[in-house]
Amino acid sequence: MSRLGDLGARLYRGEVGYDFIGKRKFWYALSILITIAAIAGLGVRGLNMGIEFKGGAVFTIPSTSVSVAQAQEDTEKASGHEAIVQALGNGGMRIQVTELDTQQSDKVKTQLAKDLKVDEADINADLVGPSWGATIANKAWTGLGIFMILVVIYLAIAFEWRMAIAALIALIHDLTITVGVYALVGFEVTPGTVIGLLTILGYSLYDTVVVFDSLKEGSDKITKQSRWTYSEIANRSINSTLVRSINTTVVALLPVGGLLFIGGGFLGAGMLNDISLSLFVGLAAGAYSSIFIATPLVADLKERDPQIKALKKRVLAKRAAAAAKGEPADGSGDEDGDGDDGFEDAQGDGATAPAGAGAGQRGRGGRGGGRPSGSGRRR
């Protein structure tokens, strides 16, 4: 078995793990800082909206000997607006100028023919009205709103309302970071960007639901035992799906990274940047939020429930009593009939503790209280 596969199996069995839930305040603080930076970038620099949203003209120039830099300078001088110039494979150029009306477009077209030394009749000019861009933007907001509502309804039915709230916060977190990155790097926002944003929301939700499903299964009949708290079961759920999340994220990021860094950067295909950046940032943020934001939020919300609060007190009291007697803190060999064994069976493997269950589970003499992480079953 590969090293990563072996690690995944050990994480799934709870033999090793990282205490995500116990360190959730750190991850919350980090997420807040990233979100503040994204909002600040959005407020200071704003979004570089594409021609589809602001309106303007796109000029397609036939083959010319003029350089791209010179063509950009000539276009900005003729139009009085910032221009985006892209070289085409046939030696021609695609020049995009925002906020031009029909009359201005005709004047710019005539001037470009003189400056670029091409026949005016060979220049193709396409106009995009700002009203069309406003319609696209409104439809995008409407689609996003409908998507969010359906997500909340589905998760509330399939899981519970706490998970629906946590998933919604995670999705907003992913959107904010992605939009903030666009503002900071100055990439153009086009309809392709909107498509990319909707795509990453679906991916982020998928990754979150995978963890939630593991958590739902792991916490079934949790109040009928007194071994583990809800946060410990939540932490076990994250660890058991961690390698899967890493694998799916890396596999998804590789082709998107090729589009962004090789296609958009190395090869100069700038039109790929509008969708590839949103996908790249969103996929990474989605994987991050499902692990460090969504599930810890569920644990925080769940542990406000009176039954889960009582469970936590019962678990901690039992561990304290066991520690005072020098007995295994997790209740291994427990014969008090409190339902622990039934919960063990429901988990599929009661021989291991949820990862990050806490140092208080260790007994005396250097021996783990109960069954230490990594001990597995005795052979």
Protein backbone atom coordinates (compact mmCIF):
# COMPACT_ATOMS: atom_id res chain seq x y z
CA MET A 1 0.00 0.00 0.00
CA SER A 2 1.29 3.50 -0.79
CA ARG A 3 2.35 5.80 2.00
CA LEU A 4 -0.61 8.11 1.40
CA GLY A 5 -3.00 5.17 1.20
CA ASP A 6 -1.66 3.79 4.49
CA LEU A 7 -2.06 7.21 6.08
CA GLY A 8 -5.64 7.42 4.82
CA ALA A 9 -6.46 4.01 6.28
CA ARG A 10 -4.97 4.97 9.65
CA LEU A 11 -6.85 8.28 9.64
CA TYR A 12 -10.07 6.44 8.85
CA ARG A 13 -9.54 4.01 11.74
CA GLY A 14 -8.69 6.88 14.09
CA GLU A 15 -5.17 5.62 14.78
CA VAL A 16 -3.66 9.00 13.88
CA GLY A 17 -5.19 12.40 13.36
CA TYR A 18 -5.03 16.14 13.79
CA ASP A 19 -7.23 17.96 16.28
CA PHE A 20 -9.08 20.24 13.85
CA ILE A 21 -11.96 20.93 16.21
CA GLY A 22 -9.76 21.64 19.22
CA LYS A 23 -7.82 24.27 17.25
CA ARG A 24 -10.88 25.75 15.55
CA LYS A 25 -10.38 29.22 17.08
CA PHE A 26 -7.07 29.54 15.27
CA TRP A 27 -8.66 28.57 11.94
CA TYR A 28 -11.59 30.90 12.56
CA ALA A 29 -9.15 33.76 13.18
CA LEU A 30 -7.17 32.91 10.05
CA SER A 31 -10.33 32.81 7.96
CA ILE A 32 -11.47 36.15 9.36
CA LEU A 33 -8.12 37.73 8.46
CA ILE A 34 -8.27 36.34 4.91
CA THR A 35 -11.86 37.54 4.54
CA ILE A 36 -10.99 41.03 5.82
CA ALA A 37 -8.12 41.22 3.31
CA ALA A 38 -10.47 40.13 0.52
CA ILE A 39 -13.12 42.70 1.48
CA ALA A 40 -10.45 45.41 1.79
CA GLY A 41 -9.16 44.60 -1.68
CA LEU A 42 -12.68 44.72 -3.03
CA GLY A 43 -13.34 48.06 -1.36
CA VAL A 44 -10.05 49.72 -2.33
CA ARG A 45 -9.44 48.39 -5.83
CA GLY A 46 -12.87 47.16 -6.85
CA LEU A 47 -13.56 44.63 -9.57
CA ASN A 48 -12.27 45.01 -13.10
CA MET A 49 -15.59 44.39 -14.83
CA GLY A 50 -15.39 43.12 -18.38
CA ILE A 51 -16.94 44.64 -21.45
CA GLU A 52 -19.97 42.37 -21.10
CA PHE A 53 -20.90 44.23 -17.90
CA LYS A 54 -19.72 47.78 -18.62
CA GLY A 55 -20.47 47.98 -22.33
CA GLY A 56 -18.02 49.00 -25.05
CA ALA A 57 -16.54 47.81 -28.32
CA VAL A 58 -14.38 44.93 -29.50
CA PHE A 59 -12.25 45.52 -32.60
CA THR A 60 -10.84 42.57 -34.51
CA ILE A 61 -7.82 43.71 -36.52
CA PRO A 62 -6.39 41.73 -39.47
CA SER A 63 -2.70 40.88 -39.71
CA THR A 64 -0.53 43.92 -39.01
CA SER A 65 3.13 44.68 -38.41
CA VAL A 66 2.38 46.93 -35.42
CA SER A 67 3.31 45.50 -32.00
CA VAL A 68 0.77 44.81 -29.30
CA ALA A 69 2.22 47.50 -27.04
CA GLN A 70 2.05 50.10 -29.81
CA ALA A 71 -1.50 49.07 -30.71
CA GLN A 72 -2.57 49.49 -27.08
CA GLU A 73 -1.00 52.94 -26.90
CA ASP A 74 -2.64 54.02 -30.17
CA THR A 75 -6.07 52.68 -29.09
CA GLU A 76 -5.99 54.40 -25.70
CA LYS A 77 -4.96 57.65 -27.36
CA ALA A 78 -7.76 57.40 -29.94
CA SER A 79 -10.49 56.36 -27.47
CA GLY A 80 -9.50 58.06 -24.25
CA HIS A 81 -10.17 54.79 -22.38
CA GLU A 82 -8.06 51.88 -21.20
CA ALA A 83 -7.67 49.19 -23.86
CA ILE A 84 -6.96 45.47 -23.66
CA VAL A 85 -5.05 44.13 -26.67
CA GLN A 86 -4.56 40.43 -27.39
CA ALA A 87 -2.53 38.95 -30.23
CA LEU A 88 -4.34 36.40 -32.40
CA GLY A 89 -2.87 33.33 -34.02
CA ASN A 90 -3.23 34.71 -37.57
CA GLY A 91 -1.09 37.75 -36.80
CA GLY A 92 -4.09 39.96 -36.08
CA MET A 93 -5.28 41.50 -32.83
CA ARG A 94 -8.36 41.69 -30.63
CA ILE A 95 -8.74 45.12 -29.07
CA GLN A 96 -11.28 45.67 -26.31
CA VAL A 97 -12.30 49.15 -25.16
CA THR A 98 -14.98 49.69 -22.51
CA GLU A 99 -17.61 52.44 -22.28
CA LEU A 100 -17.80 53.35 -25.97
CA ASP A 101 -21.04 54.20 -27.77
CA THR A 102 -21.72 53.75 -31.49
CA GLN A 103 -20.48 57.20 -32.54
CA GLN A 104 -17.28 56.92 -30.52
CA SER A 105 -16.71 53.42 -31.84
CA ASP A 106 -16.82 54.63 -35.46
CA LYS A 107 -14.26 57.33 -34.74
CA VAL A 108 -11.93 54.91 -32.97
CA LYS A 109 -12.27 52.42 -35.83
CA THR A 110 -11.26 55.05 -38.37
CA GLN A 111 -8.29 56.16 -36.31
CA LEU A 112 -7.13 52.59 -35.71
CA ALA A 113 -7.14 51.93 -39.46
CA LYS A 114 -4.71 54.83 -39.91
CA ASP A 115 -2.48 54.02 -36.93
CA LEU A 116 -2.28 50.29 -37.54
CA LYS A 117 -1.96 50.67 -41.33
CA VAL A 118 -4.89 48.41 -42.26
CA ASP A 119 -8.00 48.89 -44.38
CA GLU A 120 -10.89 50.24 -42.31
CA ALA A 121 -13.29 47.83 -44.05
CA ASP A 122 -11.22 44.90 -42.75
CA ILE A 123 -11.69 45.93 -39.13
CA ASN A 124 -14.63 44.18 -37.48
CA ALA A 125 -16.26 46.15 -34.66
CA ASP A 126 -18.74 44.57 -32.20
CA LEU A 127 -20.64 46.79 -29.76
CA VAL A 128 -21.91 45.63 -26.37
CA GLY A 129 -24.48 47.81 -24.61
CA PRO A 130 -24.30 48.33 -20.82
CA SER A 131 -27.94 47.30 -20.46
CA TRP A 132 -27.05 43.80 -21.66
CA GLY A 133 -24.34 43.59 -19.03
CA ALA A 134 -26.78 44.72 -16.33
CA THR A 135 -29.19 41.98 -17.39
CA ILE A 136 -26.44 39.36 -17.18
CA ALA A 137 -25.41 40.60 -13.73
CA ASN A 138 -29.00 40.50 -12.44
CA LYS A 139 -29.46 36.96 -13.74
CA ALA A 140 -26.21 35.92 -12.07
CA TRP A 141 -27.34 37.31 -8.71
CA THR A 142 -30.72 35.64 -9.13
CA GLY A 143 -29.12 32.29 -9.94
CA LEU A 144 -26.78 32.61 -6.97
CA GLY A 145 -29.67 33.42 -4.62
CA ILE A 146 -31.75 30.46 -5.84
CA PHE A 147 -28.74 28.16 -5.48
CA MET A 148 -28.15 29.25 -1.87
CA ILE A 149 -31.80 28.78 -0.92
CA LEU A 150 -31.93 25.30 -2.45
CA VAL A 151 -28.69 24.35 -0.67
CA VAL A 152 -30.07 25.38 2.72
CA ILE A 153 -33.35 23.53 2.14
CA TYR A 154 -31.62 20.35 0.97
CA LEU A 155 -29.12 20.23 3.83
CA ALA A 156 -31.80 21.01 6.41
CA ILE A 157 -33.84 18.05 5.12
CA ALA A 158 -31.01 15.59 4.46
CA PHE A 159 -29.05 16.45 7.63
CA GLU A 160 -30.19 19.20 10.00
CA TRP A 161 -30.50 22.97 10.17
CA ARG A 162 -27.15 23.43 11.93
CA MET A 163 -25.34 21.79 9.04
CA ALA A 164 -27.32 23.92 6.59
CA ILE A 165 -26.20 27.10 8.36
CA ALA A 166 -22.57 25.96 8.55
CA ALA A 167 -22.53 25.04 4.85
CA LEU A 168 -24.06 28.41 3.91
CA ILE A 169 -21.42 30.29 5.89
CA ALA A 170 -18.69 28.20 4.24
CA LEU A 171 -20.07 28.98 0.76
CA ILE A 172 -20.20 32.71 1.51
CA HIS A 173 -16.63 32.42 2.83
CA ASP A 174 -15.48 30.80 -0.45
CA LEU A 175 -17.27 33.41 -2.58
CA THR A 176 -15.82 36.32 -0.61
CA ILE A 177 -12.26 35.05 -0.87
CA THR A 178 -12.55 34.36 -4.61
CA VAL A 179 -14.06 37.76 -5.39
CA GLY A 180 -11.45 39.44 -3.17
CA VAL A 181 -8.61 37.73 -5.06
CA TYR A 182 -10.07 39.01 -8.35
CA ALA A 183 -10.05 42.52 -6.95
CA LEU A 184 -6.48 42.22 -5.66
CA VAL A 185 -4.93 40.78 -8.86
CA GLY A 186 -7.05 42.92 -11.19
CA PHE A 187 -8.21 40.10 -13.48
CA GLU A 188 -11.17 40.91 -15.68
CA VAL A 189 -14.59 39.73 -14.54
CA THR A 190 -16.58 38.20 -17.41
CA PRO A 191 -19.56 35.83 -17.73
CA GLY A 192 -16.95 33.06 -17.63
CA THR A 193 -16.01 34.25 -14.15
CA VAL A 194 -19.63 33.95 -13.03
CA ILE A 195 -19.78 30.41 -14.43
CA GLY A 196 -16.58 29.59 -12.55
CA LEU A 197 -18.03 30.94 -9.29
CA LEU A 198 -21.16 28.81 -9.61
CA THR A 199 -18.98 25.80 -10.39
CA ILE A 200 -16.83 26.17 -7.28
CA LEU A 201 -19.92 26.50 -5.10
CA GLY A 202 -21.04 23.08 -6.27
CA TYR A 203 -17.58 21.60 -5.62
CA SER A 204 -17.33 23.21 -2.17
CA LEU A 205 -20.76 21.88 -1.26
CA TYR A 206 -19.80 18.37 -2.41
CA ASP A 207 -16.69 18.33 -0.23
CA THR A 208 -18.68 19.63 2.75
CA VAL A 209 -21.46 17.07 2.33
CA VAL A 210 -18.91 14.23 2.30
CA VAL A 211 -17.70 15.28 5.76
CA PHE A 212 -21.26 15.90 6.98
CA ASP A 213 -22.34 12.45 5.87
CA SER A 214 -19.49 10.88 7.83
CA LEU A 215 -20.40 13.02 10.84
CA LYS A 216 -24.07 12.06 10.64
CA GLU A 217 -23.21 8.38 10.58
CA GLY A 218 -20.61 8.70 13.34
CA SER A 219 -22.89 10.67 15.71
CA ASP A 220 -25.90 8.39 15.36
CA LYS A 221 -27.21 7.54 18.88
CA ILE A 222 -24.37 9.55 20.37
CA THR A 223 -26.35 10.45 23.52
CA LYS A 224 -26.67 6.75 24.42
CA GLN A 225 -22.98 6.52 25.30
CA SER A 226 -20.59 8.35 27.59
CA ARG A 227 -17.26 7.85 25.88
CA TRP A 228 -16.93 10.59 23.28
CA THR A 229 -18.16 14.15 22.95
CA TYR A 230 -19.76 15.44 19.77
CA SER A 231 -16.66 17.49 18.94
CA GLU A 232 -14.49 14.40 19.12
CA ILE A 233 -16.78 12.51 16.76
CA ALA A 234 -16.76 15.54 14.42
CA ASN A 235 -12.98 15.58 14.51
CA ARG A 236 -12.90 11.86 13.68
CA SER A 237 -15.19 12.53 10.71
CA ILE A 238 -12.84 15.18 9.33
CA ASN A 239 -9.80 12.96 9.72
CA SER A 240 -11.50 9.95 8.17
CA THR A 241 -12.28 11.93 4.99
CA LEU A 242 -9.13 14.06 4.97
CA VAL A 243 -7.09 12.09 2.43
CA ARG A 244 -10.12 11.85 0.14
CA SER A 245 -10.54 15.64 0.29
CA ILE A 246 -6.85 16.18 -0.44
CA ASN A 247 -6.87 13.74 -3.35
CA THR A 248 -9.98 15.19 -5.02
CA THR A 249 -8.75 18.76 -4.52
CA VAL A 250 -5.28 18.10 -5.96
CA VAL A 251 -6.72 16.21 -8.94
CA ALA A 252 -9.13 19.09 -9.60
CA LEU A 253 -6.49 21.80 -9.16
CA LEU A 254 -3.93 20.29 -11.56
CA PRO A 255 -5.84 20.86 -14.82
CA VAL A 256 -7.19 24.20 -13.61
CA GLY A 257 -3.66 25.23 -12.67
CA GLY A 258 -2.58 24.27 -16.20
CA LEU A 259 -5.21 26.61 -17.63
CA LEU A 260 -4.24 29.45 -15.31
CA PHE A 261 -0.44 29.29 -15.20
CA ILE A 262 0.42 27.68 -18.53
CA GLY A 263 -2.48 28.76 -20.72
CA GLY A 264 -3.10 32.20 -19.23
CA GLY A 265 0.44 32.98 -18.10
CA PHE A 266 3.05 31.15 -20.15
CA LEU A 267 1.16 30.93 -23.45
CA GLY A 268 -0.49 34.33 -23.05
CA ALA A 269 -4.07 33.15 -23.59
CA GLY A 270 -5.48 35.87 -21.34
CA MET A 271 -9.09 34.94 -22.01
CA LEU A 272 -8.54 31.80 -19.93
CA ASN A 273 -7.78 33.82 -16.81
CA ASP A 274 -11.36 34.93 -16.24
CA ILE A 275 -12.65 31.42 -15.51
CA SER A 276 -9.46 29.59 -14.46
CA LEU A 277 -8.63 31.96 -11.57
CA SER A 278 -12.11 31.65 -10.08
CA LEU A 279 -11.92 27.87 -10.34
CA PHE A 280 -8.41 27.65 -8.88
CA VAL A 281 -9.01 29.93 -5.90
CA GLY A 282 -12.52 28.61 -5.32
CA LEU A 283 -11.50 24.94 -5.36
CA ALA A 284 -8.74 25.57 -2.83
CA ALA A 285 -11.02 27.71 -0.64
CA GLY A 286 -13.79 25.12 -0.85
CA ALA A 287 -11.54 22.31 0.37
CA TYR A 288 -10.26 24.55 3.16
CA SER A 289 -13.70 25.66 4.32
CA SER A 290 -15.19 22.16 4.42
CA ILE A 291 -12.45 21.07 6.84
CA PHE A 292 -11.64 24.17 8.88
CA ILE A 293 -14.91 26.12 8.80
CA ALA A 294 -18.05 24.09 8.10
CA THR A 295 -17.56 21.09 10.39
CA PRO A 296 -16.14 23.07 13.36
CA LEU A 297 -19.13 25.42 13.07
CA VAL A 298 -21.48 22.43 13.22
CA ALA A 299 -19.70 21.23 16.37
CA ASP A 300 -20.02 24.68 17.96
CA LEU A 301 -23.72 24.91 17.13
CA LYS A 302 -24.44 21.32 18.15
CA GLU A 303 -22.77 21.60 21.52
CA ARG A 304 -25.23 24.33 22.48
CA ASP A 305 -27.93 21.70 22.44
CA PRO A 306 -28.90 20.72 26.04
CA GLN A 307 -28.54 16.99 25.35
CA ILE A 308 -25.09 17.40 23.80
CA LYS A 309 -24.07 19.70 26.66
CA ALA A 310 -25.14 17.06 29.16
CA LEU A 311 -23.26 14.42 27.18
CA LYS A 312 -20.05 16.44 27.31
CA LYS A 313 -20.34 16.89 31.06
CA ARG A 314 -21.00 13.18 31.49
CA VAL A 315 -18.00 12.21 29.33
CA LEU A 316 -15.63 14.59 31.12
CA ALA A 317 -16.88 13.50 34.55
CA LYS A 318 -16.41 9.85 33.65
CA ARG A 319 -12.89 10.49 32.42
CA ALA A 320 -11.99 12.43 35.53
CA ALA A 321 -13.28 9.61 37.73
CA ALA A 322 -11.40 7.03 35.68
CA ALA A 323 -8.21 9.07 35.82
CA ALA A 324 -8.52 9.34 39.61
CA LYS A 325 -8.73 5.55 39.84
CA GLY A 326 -5.96 5.01 37.32
CA GLU A 327 -8.34 3.26 34.97
CA PRO A 328 -8.63 3.65 31.18
CA ALA A 329 -10.41 6.96 30.60
CA ASP A 330 -12.33 5.80 27.54
CA GLY A 331 -14.11 3.06 29.40
CA SER A 332 -12.48 0.08 27.70
CA GLY A 333 -13.67 -3.02 29.43
CA ASP A 334 -16.62 -1.00 30.69
CA GLU A 335 -19.30 -3.19 32.19
CA ASP A 336 -21.58 -0.58 33.67
CA GLY A 337 -24.18 -1.07 31.03
CA ASP A 338 -24.31 2.57 29.99
CA GLY A 339 -24.66 1.79 26.32
CA ASP A 340 -21.07 2.35 25.28
CA ASP A 341 -20.70 -0.99 23.57
CA GLY A 342 -23.76 -0.41 21.46
CA PHE A 343 -22.35 2.89 20.28
CA GLU A 344 -19.06 1.16 19.55
CA ASP A 345 -20.75 -1.29 17.26
CA ALA A 346 -22.58 1.49 15.48
CA GLN A 347 -19.26 3.13 14.63
CA GLY A 348 -17.99 -0.05 13.02
CA ASP A 349 -14.73 -0.08 14.99
CA GLY A 350 -14.76 0.69 18.67
CA ALA A 351 -11.16 -0.27 19.12
CA THR A 352 -9.88 3.21 18.38
CA ALA A 353 -10.60 6.64 19.75
CA PRO A 354 -11.65 9.63 17.65
CA ALA A 355 -8.56 11.53 16.57
CA GLY A 356 -7.78 14.50 18.76
CA ALA A 357 -9.95 13.22 21.60
CA GLY A 358 -7.70 15.01 24.03
CA ALA A 359 -4.76 14.42 26.29
CA GLY A 360 -7.06 13.73 29.18
CA GLN A 361 -7.76 10.26 27.78
CA ARG A 362 -4.29 9.05 28.70
CA GLY A 363 -3.90 7.13 31.89
CA ARG A 364 -0.88 6.78 34.10
CA GLY A 365 2.46 5.19 33.60
CA GLY A 366 2.78 6.33 29.98
CA ARG A 367 0.03 4.01 28.86
CA GLY A 368 -2.88 5.41 26.90
CA GLY A 369 -6.17 5.71 28.70
CA GLY A 370 -8.50 3.31 26.97
CA ARG A 371 -6.95 2.46 23.63
CA PRO A 372 -4.33 4.98 22.56
CA SER A 373 -4.32 6.43 19.09
CA GLY A 374 -2.52 4.02 16.82
CA SER A 375 -2.86 0.97 19.03
CA GLY A 376 -5.55 -0.74 17.01
CA ARG A 377 -6.77 -4.16 18.10
CA ARG A 378 -4.61 -6.53 20.03
CA ARG A 379 -3.44 -9.50 18.08
